[in-house]
Protein backbone atom coordinates (compact mmCIF):
# COMPACT_ATOMS: atom_id res chain seq x y z
CA MET A 1 0.06 -0.02 0.24
CA SER A 2 1.46 3.64 -1.16
CA ASP A 3 0.88 6.88 0.94
CA GLU A 4 -1.37 9.46 -0.70
CA THR A 5 -1.10 13.24 -0.58
CA ILE A 6 -3.81 15.14 0.73
CA THR A 7 -3.79 19.01 0.52
CA VAL A 8 -4.88 21.07 3.56
CA ARG A 9 -5.30 24.70 3.81
CA ILE A 10 -4.83 25.79 7.41
CA GLU A 11 -4.35 29.42 9.35
CA PRO A 12 -1.15 30.34 9.47
CA LYS A 13 -0.80 30.64 13.10
CA TRP A 14 -1.36 26.91 13.15
CA LYS A 15 1.47 25.80 10.70
CA LYS A 16 3.55 27.74 12.66
CA LYS A 17 2.74 25.94 15.79
CA ILE A 18 3.09 22.84 13.70
CA GLU A 19 6.38 23.23 12.61
CA LYS A 20 7.59 24.25 16.46
CA LEU A 21 5.81 21.25 17.40
CA ALA A 22 8.17 18.86 14.98
CA ALA A 23 10.67 20.82 15.36
CA GLU A 24 10.46 20.02 19.24
CA LYS A 25 9.81 15.97 18.18
CA ARG A 26 12.32 16.13 15.34
CA GLU A 27 9.87 15.17 13.24
CA THR A 28 8.99 16.43 10.14
CA LYS A 29 5.32 18.84 9.93
CA SER A 30 3.92 15.59 7.83
CA ASP A 31 4.75 13.19 10.48
CA VAL A 32 2.89 15.29 12.82
CA ILE A 33 -0.12 16.27 10.91
CA ARG A 34 -0.14 12.21 9.94
CA GLU A 35 0.04 11.60 13.97
CA ALA A 36 -2.56 13.90 14.56
CA LEU A 37 -5.13 12.71 12.14
CA VAL A 38 -4.68 9.13 12.67
CA GLU A 39 -5.16 9.60 16.73
CA TYR A 40 -8.41 11.82 15.79
CA THR A 41 -9.73 9.71 13.66
CA GLN A 42 -9.27 6.44 16.11
CA ARG A 43 -10.95 8.86 18.57
CA GLU A 44 -14.04 9.39 16.30
CA GLU A 45 -14.03 5.80 15.73
CA GLU A 46 -14.30 5.12 19.62
CA ARG A 47 -16.86 7.56 20.21
CA LYS A 48 -19.39 6.00 17.71
CA GLU A 49 -18.49 2.42 19.22
CA ILE A 50 -19.40 3.75 22.75
CA GLU A 51 -22.25 5.63 21.71
CA ARG A 52 -23.53 2.95 19.45
CA VAL A 53 -22.82 0.56 22.62
CA VAL A 54 -25.13 2.66 25.20
CA ALA A 55 -27.77 3.48 22.86
CA LYS A 56 -28.31 -0.26 22.75
CA LYS A 57 -28.01 -0.46 26.34
CA PHE A 58 -30.61 2.40 27.01
CA ALA A 59 -33.08 1.13 24.10
CA SER A 60 -33.13 -2.25 26.13
CA GLU A 61 -33.67 -0.01 29.13
CA LYS A 62 -30.14 -1.35 31.07
CA ILE A 63 -29.34 2.19 31.44
CA SER A 64 -31.46 5.38 32.20
CA PHE A 65 -31.79 8.58 30.13
CA GLU A 66 -29.44 10.13 32.87
CA GLU A 67 -26.67 7.62 32.45
CA LEU A 68 -27.02 7.86 28.94
CA THR A 69 -26.68 11.47 29.39
CA ARG A 70 -23.46 11.21 31.70
CA ILE A 71 -21.66 9.16 28.75
CA VAL A 72 -22.46 11.19 25.26
CA GLY A 73 -24.03 14.38 26.90
CA TYR A 74 -27.50 15.96 26.72
CA ASP A 75 -27.72 16.57 23.28
CA LYS A 76 -26.69 13.19 21.97
CA ALA A 77 -28.58 11.55 24.56
CA ARG A 78 -31.89 13.50 23.25
CA LYS A 79 -31.38 12.26 20.15
CA ILE A 80 -31.02 8.30 20.95
CA ALA A 81 -34.12 8.68 23.25
CA PHE A 82 -36.00 10.20 20.23
CA TYR A 83 -35.07 7.50 17.82
CA VAL A 84 -35.34 4.91 20.49
CA GLN A 85 -38.88 6.36 21.03
CA VAL A 86 -39.78 6.47 17.51
CA ALA A 87 -38.37 2.58 16.89
CA LYS A 88 -40.49 1.35 19.96
CA ARG A 89 -43.80 2.92 18.42
CA SER A 90 -43.39 2.04 15.26
CA PHE A 91 -42.74 -1.67 16.26
CA GLU A 92 -45.97 -1.65 18.58
CA GLU A 93 -47.66 0.10 15.84
CA GLY A 94 -46.65 -2.57 13.42
CA LEU A 95 -48.29 -5.35 15.22
């Protein structure tokens, strides 16, 4: 597998910060940016998996709305609760 190039535009202040960090770590700017993108992507994947698991637990009434809120935040918990309610209502109407 070969690496691919991505062009990203950033503000000059961030470019300077990346250059400083790269110099401190004795790495290239590309190395610093690549590492940051990989870590960000991994965190997002983990966050989505956590949300999926807790949404499933909430839907099966294994955790409360308050617990759901503590884990995913109020706005996300409201969305999950809404979708769970819609799904349950659809299922009940289908019977």
